[in-house]
Amino acid sequence: MRRQTATSGTNPAGSSRALRLDPLSLPLSFDAHDTRADGGVRKIELHRERVVLRRAVHGMRMSVNINVRDFLGVALRGLDDAQMLVLVHRDPSLSIPLLVSSDTDEIASAWQTWSEIFALPQLPEDKVREPAARRRRHNAIRTRRPKFLVRRRAGDLLNAANLHDGEREIIARD
């Protein structure tokens, strides 16, 4: 298998050309902008079946291995003067830019090609879903009685049937 170097996968630093990855030459290895990473850059390895993201945050290096089928699809997003193809994940920080161009024919053909290679749907700009809201966790055990109390029958101390002839119940403790 042929592997692209960091300079052939994307443009070198200082280049004015936009991001343009070749979907027919996978696996790809390239750098992408990441605001939270040290140095503002993360390294991405793009394979047909998986994506590996490598970055360092506050000196701690991490590597995230994601299956391609975990992504939602290939989305088209509008920029100021161009459009961008993005491999969209539910977590926006894991989404991957694939192509930036102002040529609509190039965008359309690349969109179709990336979608076919990854077997993911094409998501137009308005159909991209927002990340799912975090679900609140409910504690199911909170309402249960402790195990040692389950064997005992629950009583009602304030029930009038438990008191005899107007007596007041006195509880003495040592």
N, C-alpha and C. Protein backbone atom coordinates (compact mmCIF):
# COMPACT_ATOMS: atom_id res chain seq x y z
N MET A 1 0.83 -1.18 0.00
CA MET A 1 0.00 0.00 0.00
C MET A 1 0.87 1.24 0.00
N ARG A 2 0.47 2.23 -0.73
CA ARG A 2 1.21 3.48 -0.80
C ARG A 2 0.72 4.43 0.27
N ARG A 3 1.60 5.13 0.90
CA ARG A 3 1.25 6.05 1.97
C ARG A 3 1.68 7.46 1.58
N GLN A 4 0.81 8.42 1.81
CA GLN A 4 1.17 9.80 1.50
C GLN A 4 1.87 10.41 2.70
N THR A 5 2.85 11.23 2.44
CA THR A 5 3.55 11.90 3.52
C THR A 5 2.74 13.11 3.96
N ALA A 6 3.20 13.71 5.03
CA ALA A 6 2.47 14.85 5.57
C ALA A 6 2.41 16.00 4.58
N THR A 7 3.43 16.15 3.73
CA THR A 7 3.41 17.28 2.80
C THR A 7 2.61 16.97 1.54
N SER A 8 2.48 15.69 1.18
CA SER A 8 1.71 15.40 -0.03
C SER A 8 0.23 15.24 0.27
N GLY A 9 -0.15 14.95 1.50
CA GLY A 9 -1.56 14.81 1.83
C GLY A 9 -2.26 16.14 1.89
N THR A 10 -1.56 17.15 2.39
CA THR A 10 -2.11 18.50 2.42
C THR A 10 -1.04 19.44 1.92
N ASN A 11 -1.30 20.69 2.04
CA ASN A 11 -0.33 21.68 1.59
C ASN A 11 0.66 21.98 2.70
N PRO A 12 1.90 22.25 2.37
CA PRO A 12 2.88 22.58 3.40
C PRO A 12 2.55 23.90 4.07
N ALA A 13 3.17 24.12 5.23
CA ALA A 13 2.93 25.37 5.96
C ALA A 13 3.32 26.55 5.08
N GLY A 14 2.47 27.56 5.10
CA GLY A 14 2.75 28.75 4.31
C GLY A 14 2.14 28.70 2.92
N SER A 15 1.60 27.58 2.52
CA SER A 15 1.00 27.48 1.20
C SER A 15 -0.35 28.19 1.22
N SER A 16 -0.69 28.82 0.13
CA SER A 16 -1.96 29.54 0.09
C SER A 16 -3.06 28.68 -0.51
N ARG A 17 -2.71 27.46 -0.93
CA ARG A 17 -3.73 26.59 -1.52
C ARG A 17 -4.61 25.99 -0.44
N ALA A 18 -5.84 25.69 -0.78
CA ALA A 18 -6.80 25.14 0.16
C ALA A 18 -6.57 23.64 0.35
N LEU A 19 -7.18 23.10 1.40
CA LEU A 19 -7.08 21.67 1.71
C LEU A 19 -7.71 20.85 0.59
N ARG A 20 -6.99 19.84 0.09
CA ARG A 20 -7.50 18.99 -0.98
C ARG A 20 -6.89 17.60 -0.80
N LEU A 21 -7.69 16.64 -0.32
CA LEU A 21 -7.23 15.26 -0.13
C LEU A 21 -7.73 14.39 -1.28
N ASP A 22 -6.93 13.41 -1.65
CA ASP A 22 -7.31 12.51 -2.74
C ASP A 22 -7.96 11.26 -2.15
N PRO A 23 -9.25 11.04 -2.38
CA PRO A 23 -9.92 9.88 -1.79
C PRO A 23 -9.48 8.54 -2.38
N LEU A 24 -8.86 8.57 -3.56
CA LEU A 24 -8.46 7.33 -4.21
C LEU A 24 -7.07 6.85 -3.77
N SER A 25 -6.40 7.60 -2.91
CA SER A 25 -5.06 7.20 -2.48
C SER A 25 -5.00 6.98 -0.98
N LEU A 26 -5.98 6.29 -0.43
CA LEU A 26 -5.98 5.97 0.99
C LEU A 26 -4.96 4.87 1.26
N PRO A 27 -4.30 4.80 2.37
CA PRO A 27 -4.43 5.65 3.56
C PRO A 27 -3.71 6.99 3.40
N LEU A 28 -4.26 8.00 4.07
CA LEU A 28 -3.71 9.35 4.06
C LEU A 28 -3.23 9.71 5.46
N SER A 29 -2.22 10.53 5.52
CA SER A 29 -1.74 11.05 6.79
C SER A 29 -1.53 12.54 6.61
N PHE A 30 -2.17 13.37 7.45
CA PHE A 30 -2.07 14.81 7.29
C PHE A 30 -2.32 15.50 8.62
N ASP A 31 -2.01 16.79 8.66
CA ASP A 31 -2.22 17.61 9.85
C ASP A 31 -3.47 18.47 9.63
N ALA A 32 -4.21 18.70 10.72
CA ALA A 32 -5.40 19.54 10.65
C ALA A 32 -5.40 20.50 11.83
N HIS A 33 -6.12 21.57 11.68
CA HIS A 33 -6.22 22.60 12.72
C HIS A 33 -7.07 22.08 13.89
N ASP A 34 -6.58 22.28 15.12
CA ASP A 34 -7.30 21.88 16.33
C ASP A 34 -7.01 22.92 17.40
N THR A 35 -8.02 23.68 17.78
CA THR A 35 -7.81 24.79 18.71
C THR A 35 -7.42 24.32 20.11
N ARG A 36 -7.87 23.13 20.51
CA ARG A 36 -7.58 22.65 21.87
C ARG A 36 -6.24 21.94 21.99
N ALA A 37 -5.65 21.54 20.88
CA ALA A 37 -4.40 20.77 20.93
C ALA A 37 -3.21 21.71 21.12
N ASP A 38 -2.12 21.16 21.67
CA ASP A 38 -0.89 21.92 21.80
C ASP A 38 -0.36 22.24 20.41
N GLY A 39 -0.01 23.46 20.18
CA GLY A 39 0.47 23.89 18.88
C GLY A 39 -0.65 24.12 17.89
N GLY A 40 -1.90 23.86 18.26
CA GLY A 40 -3.05 24.08 17.38
C GLY A 40 -3.15 23.09 16.23
N VAL A 41 -2.46 21.93 16.32
CA VAL A 41 -2.45 20.97 15.22
C VAL A 41 -2.68 19.57 15.75
N ARG A 42 -3.46 18.79 15.02
CA ARG A 42 -3.61 17.37 15.31
C ARG A 42 -3.25 16.58 14.07
N LYS A 43 -2.72 15.39 14.26
CA LYS A 43 -2.33 14.54 13.15
C LYS A 43 -3.45 13.53 12.91
N ILE A 44 -3.81 13.35 11.64
CA ILE A 44 -4.92 12.46 11.28
C ILE A 44 -4.42 11.42 10.29
N GLU A 45 -4.74 10.17 10.58
CA GLU A 45 -4.51 9.07 9.64
C GLU A 45 -5.87 8.59 9.18
N LEU A 46 -6.10 8.62 7.90
CA LEU A 46 -7.40 8.29 7.33
C LEU A 46 -7.27 7.01 6.51
N HIS A 47 -7.96 5.94 6.96
CA HIS A 47 -7.97 4.66 6.27
C HIS A 47 -9.40 4.39 5.80
N ARG A 48 -9.60 3.34 5.03
CA ARG A 48 -10.96 3.00 4.57
C ARG A 48 -11.86 2.56 5.72
N GLU A 49 -11.32 1.87 6.71
CA GLU A 49 -12.14 1.33 7.79
C GLU A 49 -12.04 2.11 9.09
N ARG A 50 -10.98 2.91 9.25
CA ARG A 50 -10.80 3.59 10.53
C ARG A 50 -10.11 4.92 10.34
N VAL A 51 -10.21 5.74 11.40
CA VAL A 51 -9.56 7.04 11.44
C VAL A 51 -8.80 7.11 12.76
N VAL A 52 -7.54 7.53 12.70
CA VAL A 52 -6.73 7.68 13.92
C VAL A 52 -6.40 9.15 14.07
N LEU A 53 -6.79 9.73 15.21
CA LEU A 53 -6.51 11.13 15.53
C LEU A 53 -5.45 11.16 16.62
N ARG A 54 -4.38 11.90 16.39
CA ARG A 54 -3.31 12.03 17.39
C ARG A 54 -3.14 13.51 17.71
N ARG A 55 -3.13 13.83 19.00
CA ARG A 55 -2.89 15.20 19.42
C ARG A 55 -2.36 15.21 20.84
N ALA A 56 -1.83 16.33 21.25
CA ALA A 56 -1.35 16.50 22.61
C ALA A 56 -2.12 17.67 23.22
N VAL A 57 -2.61 17.46 24.44
CA VAL A 57 -3.33 18.51 25.16
C VAL A 57 -2.64 18.68 26.50
N HIS A 58 -2.11 19.86 26.75
CA HIS A 58 -1.37 20.17 27.97
C HIS A 58 -0.24 19.17 28.21
N GLY A 59 0.45 18.82 27.16
CA GLY A 59 1.59 17.91 27.26
C GLY A 59 1.24 16.44 27.29
N MET A 60 -0.04 16.10 27.39
CA MET A 60 -0.46 14.70 27.41
C MET A 60 -0.82 14.26 26.00
N ARG A 61 -0.07 13.31 25.48
CA ARG A 61 -0.32 12.83 24.12
C ARG A 61 -1.43 11.79 24.15
N MET A 62 -2.30 11.87 23.14
CA MET A 62 -3.39 10.90 23.06
C MET A 62 -3.61 10.49 21.62
N SER A 63 -4.16 9.31 21.47
CA SER A 63 -4.48 8.77 20.16
C SER A 63 -5.89 8.20 20.23
N VAL A 64 -6.75 8.61 19.31
CA VAL A 64 -8.14 8.15 19.28
C VAL A 64 -8.35 7.37 17.99
N ASN A 65 -8.77 6.12 18.12
CA ASN A 65 -9.01 5.24 16.97
C ASN A 65 -10.52 5.10 16.81
N ILE A 66 -11.06 5.54 15.67
CA ILE A 66 -12.50 5.56 15.44
C ILE A 66 -12.81 4.78 14.17
N ASN A 67 -13.82 3.92 14.22
CA ASN A 67 -14.28 3.23 13.02
C ASN A 67 -15.00 4.22 12.12
N VAL A 68 -14.86 4.05 10.82
CA VAL A 68 -15.50 4.95 9.87
C VAL A 68 -17.02 4.86 9.98
N ARG A 69 -17.55 3.69 10.33
CA ARG A 69 -19.01 3.55 10.43
C ARG A 69 -19.59 4.31 11.63
N ASP A 70 -18.72 4.80 12.54
CA ASP A 70 -19.19 5.61 13.66
C ASP A 70 -19.45 7.06 13.27
N PHE A 71 -19.03 7.45 12.07
CA PHE A 71 -19.29 8.80 11.59
C PHE A 71 -20.69 8.87 10.99
N LEU A 72 -21.30 10.06 11.04
CA LEU A 72 -22.67 10.24 10.55
C LEU A 72 -22.74 10.30 9.03
N GLY A 73 -21.72 10.86 8.39
CA GLY A 73 -21.72 10.98 6.95
C GLY A 73 -20.74 12.02 6.48
N VAL A 74 -20.78 12.31 5.18
CA VAL A 74 -19.93 13.34 4.58
C VAL A 74 -20.82 14.55 4.34
N ALA A 75 -20.48 15.66 4.98
CA ALA A 75 -21.34 16.84 4.93
C ALA A 75 -20.70 17.96 4.12
N LEU A 76 -21.55 18.78 3.56
CA LEU A 76 -21.14 19.96 2.83
C LEU A 76 -21.44 21.17 3.70
N ARG A 77 -20.40 21.95 3.97
CA ARG A 77 -20.57 23.15 4.81
C ARG A 77 -20.09 24.36 4.04
N GLY A 78 -20.81 25.44 4.19
CA GLY A 78 -20.44 26.67 3.50
C GLY A 78 -19.48 27.50 4.32
N LEU A 79 -18.46 28.03 3.66
CA LEU A 79 -17.53 28.97 4.28
C LEU A 79 -17.78 30.34 3.67
N ASP A 80 -16.95 31.31 4.00
CA ASP A 80 -17.16 32.67 3.49
C ASP A 80 -17.14 32.72 1.97
N ASP A 81 -16.06 32.23 1.36
CA ASP A 81 -15.95 32.32 -0.09
C ASP A 81 -15.80 30.95 -0.75
N ALA A 82 -15.95 29.88 0.01
CA ALA A 82 -15.77 28.52 -0.52
C ALA A 82 -16.70 27.56 0.23
N GLN A 83 -16.61 26.30 -0.14
CA GLN A 83 -17.36 25.26 0.56
C GLN A 83 -16.38 24.20 1.04
N MET A 84 -16.79 23.47 2.07
CA MET A 84 -15.91 22.49 2.68
C MET A 84 -16.64 21.16 2.85
N LEU A 85 -15.97 20.06 2.50
CA LEU A 85 -16.49 18.72 2.78
C LEU A 85 -15.90 18.26 4.11
N VAL A 86 -16.76 17.71 4.96
CA VAL A 86 -16.34 17.30 6.29
C VAL A 86 -16.86 15.90 6.56
N LEU A 87 -16.03 15.06 7.13
CA LEU A 87 -16.45 13.76 7.64
C LEU A 87 -17.00 14.02 9.03
N VAL A 88 -18.32 13.96 9.18
CA VAL A 88 -19.00 14.44 10.38
C VAL A 88 -19.16 13.33 11.41
N HIS A 89 -18.79 13.66 12.64
CA HIS A 89 -18.97 12.76 13.79
C HIS A 89 -19.96 13.42 14.74
N ARG A 90 -20.58 12.61 15.58
CA ARG A 90 -21.52 13.15 16.56
C ARG A 90 -20.85 14.16 17.47
N ASP A 91 -19.59 13.90 17.83
CA ASP A 91 -18.80 14.83 18.62
C ASP A 91 -18.11 15.78 17.65
N PRO A 92 -18.44 17.07 17.66
CA PRO A 92 -17.87 18.00 16.68
C PRO A 92 -16.34 18.07 16.71
N SER A 93 -15.72 17.78 17.84
CA SER A 93 -14.26 17.85 17.89
C SER A 93 -13.61 16.68 17.15
N LEU A 94 -14.38 15.65 16.77
CA LEU A 94 -13.85 14.52 16.03
C LEU A 94 -14.15 14.59 14.54
N SER A 95 -14.84 15.63 14.10
CA SER A 95 -15.12 15.80 12.67
C SER A 95 -13.83 16.14 11.93
N ILE A 96 -13.73 15.68 10.66
CA ILE A 96 -12.49 15.78 9.91
C ILE A 96 -12.74 16.51 8.59
N PRO A 97 -11.97 17.59 8.31
CA PRO A 97 -12.11 18.27 7.02
C PRO A 97 -11.47 17.43 5.91
N LEU A 98 -12.15 17.35 4.77
CA LEU A 98 -11.65 16.57 3.64
C LEU A 98 -11.26 17.42 2.44
N LEU A 99 -12.01 18.49 2.20
CA LEU A 99 -11.76 19.30 1.01
C LEU A 99 -12.30 20.71 1.23
N VAL A 100 -11.54 21.70 0.80
CA VAL A 100 -12.00 23.08 0.79
C VAL A 100 -11.80 23.59 -0.62
N SER A 101 -12.88 24.06 -1.25
CA SER A 101 -12.78 24.54 -2.63
C SER A 101 -13.93 25.49 -2.92
N SER A 102 -13.72 26.35 -3.90
CA SER A 102 -14.79 27.24 -4.35
C SER A 102 -15.39 26.75 -5.67
N ASP A 103 -14.83 25.68 -6.25
CA ASP A 103 -15.33 25.10 -7.49
C ASP A 103 -16.46 24.11 -7.17
N THR A 104 -17.68 24.43 -7.58
CA THR A 104 -18.84 23.60 -7.24
C THR A 104 -18.79 22.23 -7.91
N ASP A 105 -18.24 22.15 -9.12
CA ASP A 105 -18.14 20.85 -9.80
C ASP A 105 -17.17 19.93 -9.07
N GLU A 106 -16.06 20.49 -8.64
CA GLU A 106 -15.08 19.70 -7.89
C GLU A 106 -15.66 19.22 -6.56
N ILE A 107 -16.38 20.09 -5.88
CA ILE A 107 -17.02 19.73 -4.61
C ILE A 107 -18.02 18.61 -4.83
N ALA A 108 -18.85 18.69 -5.86
CA ALA A 108 -19.88 17.68 -6.11
C ALA A 108 -19.27 16.31 -6.41
N SER A 109 -18.23 16.28 -7.24
CA SER A 109 -17.62 14.99 -7.57
C SER A 109 -16.87 14.41 -6.38
N ALA A 110 -16.18 15.26 -5.62
CA ALA A 110 -15.46 14.77 -4.43
C ALA A 110 -16.44 14.30 -3.36
N TRP A 111 -17.56 14.99 -3.22
CA TRP A 111 -18.58 14.61 -2.24
C TRP A 111 -19.09 13.21 -2.54
N GLN A 112 -19.39 12.95 -3.81
CA GLN A 112 -19.87 11.64 -4.24
C GLN A 112 -18.80 10.57 -4.00
N THR A 113 -17.56 10.86 -4.34
CA THR A 113 -16.47 9.89 -4.21
C THR A 113 -16.21 9.53 -2.75
N TRP A 114 -16.10 10.55 -1.88
CA TRP A 114 -15.87 10.28 -0.45
C TRP A 114 -17.03 9.48 0.15
N SER A 115 -18.24 9.80 -0.24
CA SER A 115 -19.40 9.09 0.27
C SER A 115 -19.38 7.62 -0.15
N GLU A 116 -19.01 7.35 -1.39
CA GLU A 116 -18.95 5.96 -1.86
C GLU A 116 -17.81 5.18 -1.20
N ILE A 117 -16.66 5.80 -1.06
CA ILE A 117 -15.50 5.10 -0.47
C ILE A 117 -15.77 4.71 0.97
N PHE A 118 -16.37 5.59 1.75
CA PHE A 118 -16.64 5.29 3.15
C PHE A 118 -18.00 4.62 3.36
N ALA A 119 -18.81 4.51 2.34
CA ALA A 119 -20.17 3.94 2.43
C ALA A 119 -20.99 4.69 3.49
N LEU A 120 -20.90 6.02 3.42
CA LEU A 120 -21.64 6.89 4.33
C LEU A 120 -22.55 7.80 3.52
N PRO A 121 -23.65 8.26 4.11
CA PRO A 121 -24.57 9.13 3.36
C PRO A 121 -23.99 10.53 3.15
N GLN A 122 -24.50 11.18 2.12
CA GLN A 122 -24.16 12.58 1.88
C GLN A 122 -25.12 13.44 2.68
N LEU A 123 -24.57 14.29 3.53
CA LEU A 123 -25.39 15.15 4.37
C LEU A 123 -25.29 16.59 3.89
N PRO A 124 -26.39 17.15 3.36
CA PRO A 124 -26.33 18.55 2.96
C PRO A 124 -26.19 19.45 4.19
N GLU A 125 -25.87 20.70 3.96
CA GLU A 125 -25.57 21.63 5.05
C GLU A 125 -26.71 21.74 6.05
N ASP A 126 -27.95 21.79 5.58
CA ASP A 126 -29.07 21.97 6.49
C ASP A 126 -29.47 20.69 7.20
N LYS A 127 -28.99 19.54 6.76
CA LYS A 127 -29.36 18.27 7.37
C LYS A 127 -28.35 17.78 8.41
N VAL A 128 -27.26 18.51 8.61
CA VAL A 128 -26.27 18.11 9.60
C VAL A 128 -26.89 18.28 10.97
N ARG A 129 -26.89 17.19 11.74
CA ARG A 129 -27.51 17.24 13.05
C ARG A 129 -26.58 17.87 14.07
N GLU A 130 -27.18 18.55 15.01
CA GLU A 130 -26.42 19.09 16.13
C GLU A 130 -26.05 17.92 17.03
N PRO A 131 -25.01 18.06 17.83
CA PRO A 131 -24.66 16.97 18.73
C PRO A 131 -25.80 16.69 19.71
N ALA A 132 -25.97 15.43 20.03
CA ALA A 132 -27.05 15.05 20.93
C ALA A 132 -26.79 15.62 22.32
N ALA A 133 -27.85 16.06 22.96
CA ALA A 133 -27.71 16.58 24.32
C ALA A 133 -27.38 15.44 25.26
N ARG A 134 -26.59 15.74 26.26
CA ARG A 134 -26.22 14.70 27.21
C ARG A 134 -27.44 14.30 28.01
N ARG A 135 -27.60 13.00 28.18
CA ARG A 135 -28.75 12.52 28.94
C ARG A 135 -28.44 12.63 30.42
N ARG A 136 -29.46 12.99 31.18
CA ARG A 136 -29.30 12.99 32.63
C ARG A 136 -29.37 11.57 33.13
N ARG A 137 -28.50 11.26 33.98
CA ARG A 137 -28.53 9.91 34.56
C ARG A 137 -29.41 9.92 35.80
N HIS A 138 -30.29 8.97 35.84
CA HIS A 138 -31.15 8.83 37.00
C HIS A 138 -30.67 7.65 37.82
N ASN A 139 -30.67 7.83 39.12
CA ASN A 139 -30.19 6.79 40.00
C ASN A 139 -31.35 5.86 40.33
N ALA A 140 -31.36 4.68 39.71
CA ALA A 140 -32.46 3.73 39.92
C ALA A 140 -32.39 3.10 41.30
N ILE A 141 -31.23 3.04 41.87
CA ILE A 141 -31.07 2.37 43.17
C ILE A 141 -31.49 3.29 44.32
N ARG A 142 -31.54 4.58 44.08
CA ARG A 142 -31.84 5.52 45.15
C ARG A 142 -33.19 5.23 45.81
N THR A 143 -34.18 4.78 45.06
CA THR A 143 -35.51 4.56 45.61
C THR A 143 -35.66 3.18 46.24
N ARG A 144 -34.69 2.32 46.09
CA ARG A 144 -34.79 0.99 46.69
C ARG A 144 -34.42 1.04 48.17
N ARG A 145 -34.96 0.08 48.89
CA ARG A 145 -34.58 -0.05 50.30
C ARG A 145 -33.27 -0.81 50.39
N PRO A 146 -32.47 -0.56 51.41
CA PRO A 146 -31.24 -1.32 51.58
C PRO A 146 -31.56 -2.81 51.74
N LYS A 147 -30.60 -3.63 51.38
CA LYS A 147 -30.81 -5.07 51.33
C LYS A 147 -31.24 -5.65 52.69
N PHE A 148 -30.62 -5.17 53.78
CA PHE A 148 -30.98 -5.72 55.08
C PHE A 148 -32.36 -5.29 55.53
N LEU A 149 -32.90 -4.21 54.98
CA LEU A 149 -34.25 -3.78 55.33
C LEU A 149 -35.31 -4.44 54.47
N VAL A 150 -34.93 -5.04 53.38
CA VAL A 150 -35.90 -5.68 52.50
C VAL A 150 -36.55 -6.86 53.21
N ARG A 151 -35.80 -7.53 54.07
CA ARG A 151 -36.35 -8.70 54.79
C ARG A 151 -37.37 -8.29 55.84
N ARG A 152 -37.26 -7.07 56.34
CA ARG A 152 -38.16 -6.60 57.39
C ARG A 152 -39.38 -5.93 56.79
N ARG A 153 -40.46 -6.00 57.52
CA ARG A 153 -41.67 -5.35 57.09
C ARG A 153 -41.63 -3.90 57.55
N ALA A 154 -41.98 -2.98 56.69
CA ALA A 154 -41.98 -1.57 57.06
C ALA A 154 -43.16 -1.30 57.96
N GLY A 155 -42.93 -0.59 59.02
CA GLY A 155 -44.00 -0.26 59.96
C GLY A 155 -44.38 1.19 59.88
N ASP A 156 -45.48 1.52 60.55
CA ASP A 156 -45.95 2.89 60.56
C ASP A 156 -46.08 3.30 62.01
N LEU A 157 -45.15 4.07 62.52
CA LEU A 157 -45.13 4.46 63.92
C LEU A 157 -46.22 5.46 64.26
N LEU A 158 -46.60 6.27 63.33
CA LEU A 158 -47.58 7.31 63.61
C LEU A 158 -49.01 6.85 63.37
N ASN A 159 -49.21 5.61 62.99
CA ASN A 159 -50.55 5.08 62.76
C ASN A 159 -51.27 4.95 64.10
N ALA A 160 -52.50 5.42 64.17
CA ALA A 160 -53.28 5.40 65.42
C ALA A 160 -53.57 3.98 65.87
N ALA A 161 -53.58 2.99 64.99
CA ALA A 161 -53.85 1.60 65.36
C ALA A 161 -52.70 1.02 66.17
N ASN A 162 -51.56 1.57 66.10
CA ASN A 162 -50.41 1.07 66.84
C ASN A 162 -50.38 1.60 68.27
N LEU A 163 -51.15 2.67 68.57
CA LEU A 163 -51.18 3.25 69.91
C LEU A 163 -52.41 2.73 70.65
N HIS A 164 -52.26 2.47 71.97
CA HIS A 164 -53.35 1.93 72.77
C HIS A 164 -53.95 3.01 73.64
N ASP A 165 -55.22 3.20 73.61
CA ASP A 165 -56.02 4.06 74.48
C ASP A 165 -55.36 5.41 74.76
N GLY A 166 -54.99 6.11 73.72
CA GLY A 166 -54.47 7.46 73.89
C GLY A 166 -53.06 7.48 74.47
N GLU A 167 -52.45 6.35 74.55
CA GLU A 167 -51.07 6.32 75.07
C GLU A 167 -50.15 7.02 74.09
N ARG A 168 -49.12 7.49 74.66
CA ARG A 168 -48.06 8.04 73.83
C ARG A 168 -46.92 7.07 73.82
N GLU A 169 -46.43 6.78 72.69
CA GLU A 169 -45.33 5.80 72.60
C GLU A 169 -44.03 6.48 73.01
N ILE A 170 -43.34 5.85 73.90
CA ILE A 170 -42.08 6.37 74.38
C ILE A 170 -40.98 5.42 73.91
N ILE A 171 -40.02 5.98 73.26
CA ILE A 171 -38.89 5.18 72.81
C ILE A 171 -37.69 5.56 73.65
N ALA A 172 -37.18 4.57 74.37
CA ALA A 172 -36.03 4.80 75.25
C ALA A 172 -34.79 4.22 74.60
N ARG A 173 -33.76 5.00 74.66
CA ARG A 173 -32.50 4.54 74.09
C ARG A 173 -31.42 4.64 75.14
N ASP A 174 -30.55 3.69 75.14
CA ASP A 174 -29.45 3.72 76.12
C ASP A 174 -28.28 4.49 75.60
